Amino acid sequence: MKCLLLLLAAVASAQPPTRILVAYHSQTGNTAKLAEAVRGGAAGVENVTVTLRKADDVKDEDIQQADGIVVGTPVHWSNLSAESKRLLDHIGAVLSKDKSLGDGRTAGAFCTGGGVAMGKDLARISILSAFLTMRFIVIGGVDGYGFGTLGPQATTGPDDPGISDKETAEARDFGRRFALFTRRFRTAK
């Protein structure tokens, strides 16, 4: 049994790392804080490397090399921000040139919004819908009760300013879950 474990560890370490891109748009810094928590959770998984980028700073190579992509957005008028939409368009354009789109890649979403019912679900659904159209495998989150979610979210308006410890923990757990599934899908190819 010990030899089998050593062999599995040797095979795992011989594999190139699974690469994840966490890209986000943030105006007030709240979405950036949630992005950092997602990155932290994913980076804690063995043999996973994570690139964290603002939406406007994402390079073609970041997209081409990513085994999984997570997009974060603030909610604007019950939808994703224009900058986040441009990022999704950029991802689609880069992968269309490669004729691969999202085949074999994973995708996820997270968001922040000022109020409890400010369109956070709609923003994440918009992101995930775009990824599904690009043929990505979508990975959702899990809430504190064990139910599936569309990905982490945070309420950041005047009644609940900033990112709470609970919201940070949900984002970190999502990042870890996303990295584990992405690594699993990548090694299954």
Protein backbone atom coordinates (compact mmCIF):
# COMPACT_ATOMS: atom_id res chain seq x y z
CA MET A 1 0.00 0.00 0.00
CA LYS A 2 2.83 2.37 0.89
CA CYS A 3 4.48 1.73 -2.50
CA LEU A 4 1.20 2.52 -4.29
CA LEU A 5 0.89 5.83 -2.44
CA LEU A 6 4.48 6.74 -3.30
CA LEU A 7 3.85 5.86 -6.95
CA LEU A 8 0.69 7.99 -7.05
CA ALA A 9 2.53 10.90 -5.44
CA ALA A 10 5.35 10.58 -8.00
CA VAL A 11 2.88 10.57 -10.90
CA ALA A 12 1.03 13.60 -9.49
CA SER A 13 4.23 15.57 -9.04
CA ALA A 14 5.33 14.73 -12.60
CA GLN A 15 2.18 16.37 -14.00
CA PRO A 16 2.45 20.05 -14.92
CA PRO A 17 0.45 22.22 -12.54
CA THR A 18 -3.22 22.90 -13.13
CA ARG A 19 -3.56 26.57 -14.07
CA ILE A 20 -6.44 28.71 -12.90
CA LEU A 21 -7.19 32.29 -13.87
CA VAL A 22 -9.20 34.39 -11.41
CA ALA A 23 -10.20 37.60 -13.20
CA TYR A 24 -12.41 40.35 -11.83
CA HIS A 25 -13.67 43.90 -12.16
CA SER A 26 -13.89 45.96 -8.97
CA GLN A 27 -14.81 49.59 -8.42
CA THR A 28 -14.77 49.89 -4.63
CA GLY A 29 -12.38 47.06 -3.76
CA ASN A 30 -15.06 44.67 -2.52
CA THR A 31 -14.99 42.40 -5.58
CA ALA A 32 -11.18 42.49 -5.42
CA LYS A 33 -11.32 41.23 -1.81
CA LEU A 34 -13.63 38.38 -2.82
CA ALA A 35 -11.31 37.58 -5.76
CA GLU A 36 -8.36 37.37 -3.38
CA ALA A 37 -10.29 34.92 -1.19
CA VAL A 38 -11.13 32.74 -4.23
CA ARG A 39 -7.46 32.86 -5.26
CA GLY A 40 -6.35 31.93 -1.76
CA GLY A 41 -8.61 28.88 -1.65
CA ALA A 42 -7.51 27.68 -5.08
CA ALA A 43 -3.81 28.31 -4.42
CA GLY A 44 -3.97 26.09 -1.34
CA VAL A 45 -4.56 23.01 -3.51
CA GLU A 46 -1.48 20.96 -4.34
CA ASN A 47 -0.14 21.22 -7.91
CA VAL A 48 -2.36 24.22 -8.75
CA THR A 49 -1.08 27.64 -9.80
CA VAL A 50 -3.38 30.64 -9.77
CA THR A 51 -3.13 33.88 -11.70
CA LEU A 52 -5.13 36.78 -10.27
CA ARG A 53 -5.84 39.64 -12.68
CA LYS A 54 -8.05 42.68 -12.98
CA ALA A 55 -10.36 42.28 -15.99
CA ASP A 56 -8.53 44.93 -18.02
CA ASP A 57 -5.14 43.30 -17.33
CA VAL A 58 -6.00 39.80 -18.62
CA LYS A 59 -3.64 38.79 -21.43
CA ASP A 60 -4.37 36.36 -24.25
CA GLU A 61 -1.76 33.98 -22.78
CA ASP A 62 -3.55 33.99 -19.41
CA ILE A 63 -6.68 32.71 -21.17
CA GLN A 64 -4.92 30.24 -23.45
CA GLN A 65 -2.97 28.65 -20.61
CA ALA A 66 -5.84 28.43 -18.10
CA ASP A 67 -7.38 25.05 -17.33
CA GLY A 68 -10.09 26.91 -15.40
CA ILE A 69 -11.34 30.51 -15.36
CA VAL A 70 -13.31 32.24 -12.62
CA VAL A 71 -14.84 35.67 -13.32
CA GLY A 72 -15.94 38.11 -10.62
CA THR A 73 -18.08 41.21 -11.04
CA PRO A 74 -19.86 43.90 -9.10
CA VAL A 75 -23.58 44.01 -9.87
CA HIS A 76 -24.64 46.89 -12.13
CA TRP A 77 -28.37 47.32 -12.62
CA SER A 78 -29.06 43.66 -11.81
CA ASN A 79 -26.38 42.41 -14.20
CA LEU A 80 -22.64 42.06 -14.58
CA SER A 81 -20.55 45.17 -15.18
CA ALA A 82 -19.64 46.29 -18.69
CA GLU A 83 -15.97 45.57 -17.89
CA SER A 84 -16.83 42.00 -16.91
CA LYS A 85 -18.83 41.56 -20.11
CA ARG A 86 -15.84 42.81 -22.13
CA LEU A 87 -13.69 40.23 -20.32
CA LEU A 88 -16.08 37.43 -21.31
CA ASP A 89 -16.00 38.71 -24.90
CA HIS A 90 -12.19 38.70 -24.75
CA ILE A 91 -12.15 35.12 -23.45
CA GLY A 92 -14.50 34.01 -26.23
CA ALA A 93 -12.47 35.79 -28.93
CA VAL A 94 -9.15 34.29 -27.77
CA LEU A 95 -10.51 30.76 -27.53
CA SER A 96 -12.39 31.06 -30.84
CA LYS A 97 -9.10 31.81 -32.59
CA ASP A 98 -7.69 28.59 -31.11
CA LYS A 99 -10.80 26.70 -32.33
CA SER A 100 -11.03 25.09 -28.89
CA LEU A 101 -13.37 27.33 -26.94
CA GLY A 102 -13.84 25.96 -23.45
CA ASP A 103 -13.68 22.24 -24.22
CA GLY A 104 -12.04 20.53 -21.25
CA ARG A 105 -11.88 23.73 -19.19
CA THR A 106 -13.81 24.71 -16.10
CA ALA A 107 -15.49 28.02 -15.28
CA GLY A 108 -17.03 29.73 -12.29
CA ALA A 109 -18.44 33.06 -11.16
CA PHE A 110 -18.69 35.29 -8.11
CA CYS A 111 -20.08 38.75 -7.45
CA THR A 112 -20.74 41.57 -5.04
CA GLY A 113 -23.83 43.75 -4.83
CA GLY A 114 -25.11 46.57 -2.66
CA GLY A 115 -28.30 44.93 -1.43
CA VAL A 116 -29.67 41.50 -0.66
CA ALA A 117 -31.82 41.40 -3.82
CA MET A 118 -29.72 43.49 -6.18
CA GLY A 119 -29.41 40.99 -9.04
CA LYS A 120 -26.49 38.93 -7.77
CA ASP A 121 -28.08 35.73 -9.09
CA LEU A 122 -28.69 37.33 -12.49
CA ALA A 123 -25.10 38.57 -12.73
CA ARG A 124 -23.67 35.11 -11.97
CA ILE A 125 -26.15 33.42 -14.32
CA SER A 126 -25.06 35.81 -17.09
CA ILE A 127 -21.42 34.87 -16.57
CA LEU A 128 -22.13 31.15 -16.34
CA SER A 129 -24.40 31.28 -19.40
CA ALA A 130 -21.59 32.81 -21.44
CA PHE A 131 -19.20 30.10 -20.25
CA LEU A 132 -21.71 27.35 -21.06
CA THR A 133 -22.09 28.79 -24.56
CA MET A 134 -18.29 28.63 -24.87
CA ARG A 135 -18.50 24.91 -23.87
CA PHE A 136 -16.87 25.24 -20.45
CA ILE A 137 -17.71 22.89 -17.58
CA VAL A 138 -19.35 25.10 -14.95
CA ILE A 139 -18.53 24.59 -11.27
CA GLY A 140 -20.75 26.14 -8.63
CA GLY A 141 -20.25 26.66 -4.93
CA VAL A 142 -21.70 25.18 -1.76
CA ASP A 143 -23.33 27.28 0.95
CA GLY A 144 -23.03 26.82 4.71
CA TYR A 145 -26.03 24.45 4.71
CA GLY A 146 -24.59 22.16 2.03
CA PHE A 147 -26.76 23.40 -0.84
CA GLY A 148 -25.31 24.23 -4.25
CA THR A 149 -24.88 27.87 -5.30
CA LEU A 150 -24.03 29.75 -8.46
CA GLY A 151 -20.75 30.76 -6.81
CA PRO A 152 -19.81 33.08 -3.94
CA GLN A 153 -21.51 36.42 -3.42
CA ALA A 154 -21.28 39.28 -0.98
CA THR A 155 -23.71 42.02 0.00
CA THR A 156 -21.75 45.24 0.34
CA GLY A 157 -24.22 48.13 0.62
CA PRO A 158 -24.70 50.62 3.46
CA ASP A 159 -26.62 48.14 5.63
CA ASP A 160 -23.89 45.49 5.25
CA PRO A 161 -20.67 47.24 4.16
CA GLY A 162 -17.57 45.38 3.05
CA ILE A 163 -16.91 41.66 2.87
CA SER A 164 -17.79 39.66 5.99
CA ASP A 165 -15.76 36.79 7.38
CA LYS A 166 -18.56 34.42 6.35
CA GLU A 167 -18.50 35.73 2.75
CA THR A 168 -14.70 35.49 2.66
CA ALA A 169 -14.84 31.90 3.91
CA GLU A 170 -17.45 30.99 1.28
CA ALA A 171 -15.22 32.45 -1.45
CA ARG A 172 -12.14 30.65 -0.13
CA ASP A 173 -14.07 27.34 0.05
CA PHE A 174 -15.31 27.90 -3.50
CA GLY A 175 -11.75 28.54 -4.71
CA ARG A 176 -10.59 25.28 -3.15
CA ARG A 177 -13.55 23.35 -4.59
CA PHE A 178 -12.99 24.93 -8.01
CA ALA A 179 -9.29 24.01 -7.98
CA LEU A 180 -9.95 20.41 -6.90
CA PHE A 181 -12.51 19.84 -9.66
CA THR A 182 -10.41 21.63 -12.27
CA ARG A 183 -7.40 19.49 -11.39
CA ARG A 184 -9.56 16.37 -11.57
CA PHE A 185 -10.97 17.26 -15.00
CA ARG A 186 -7.53 18.20 -16.30
CA THR A 187 -5.88 14.94 -15.22
CA ALA A 188 -8.77 12.91 -16.66
CA LYS A 189 -7.98 14.09 -20.22
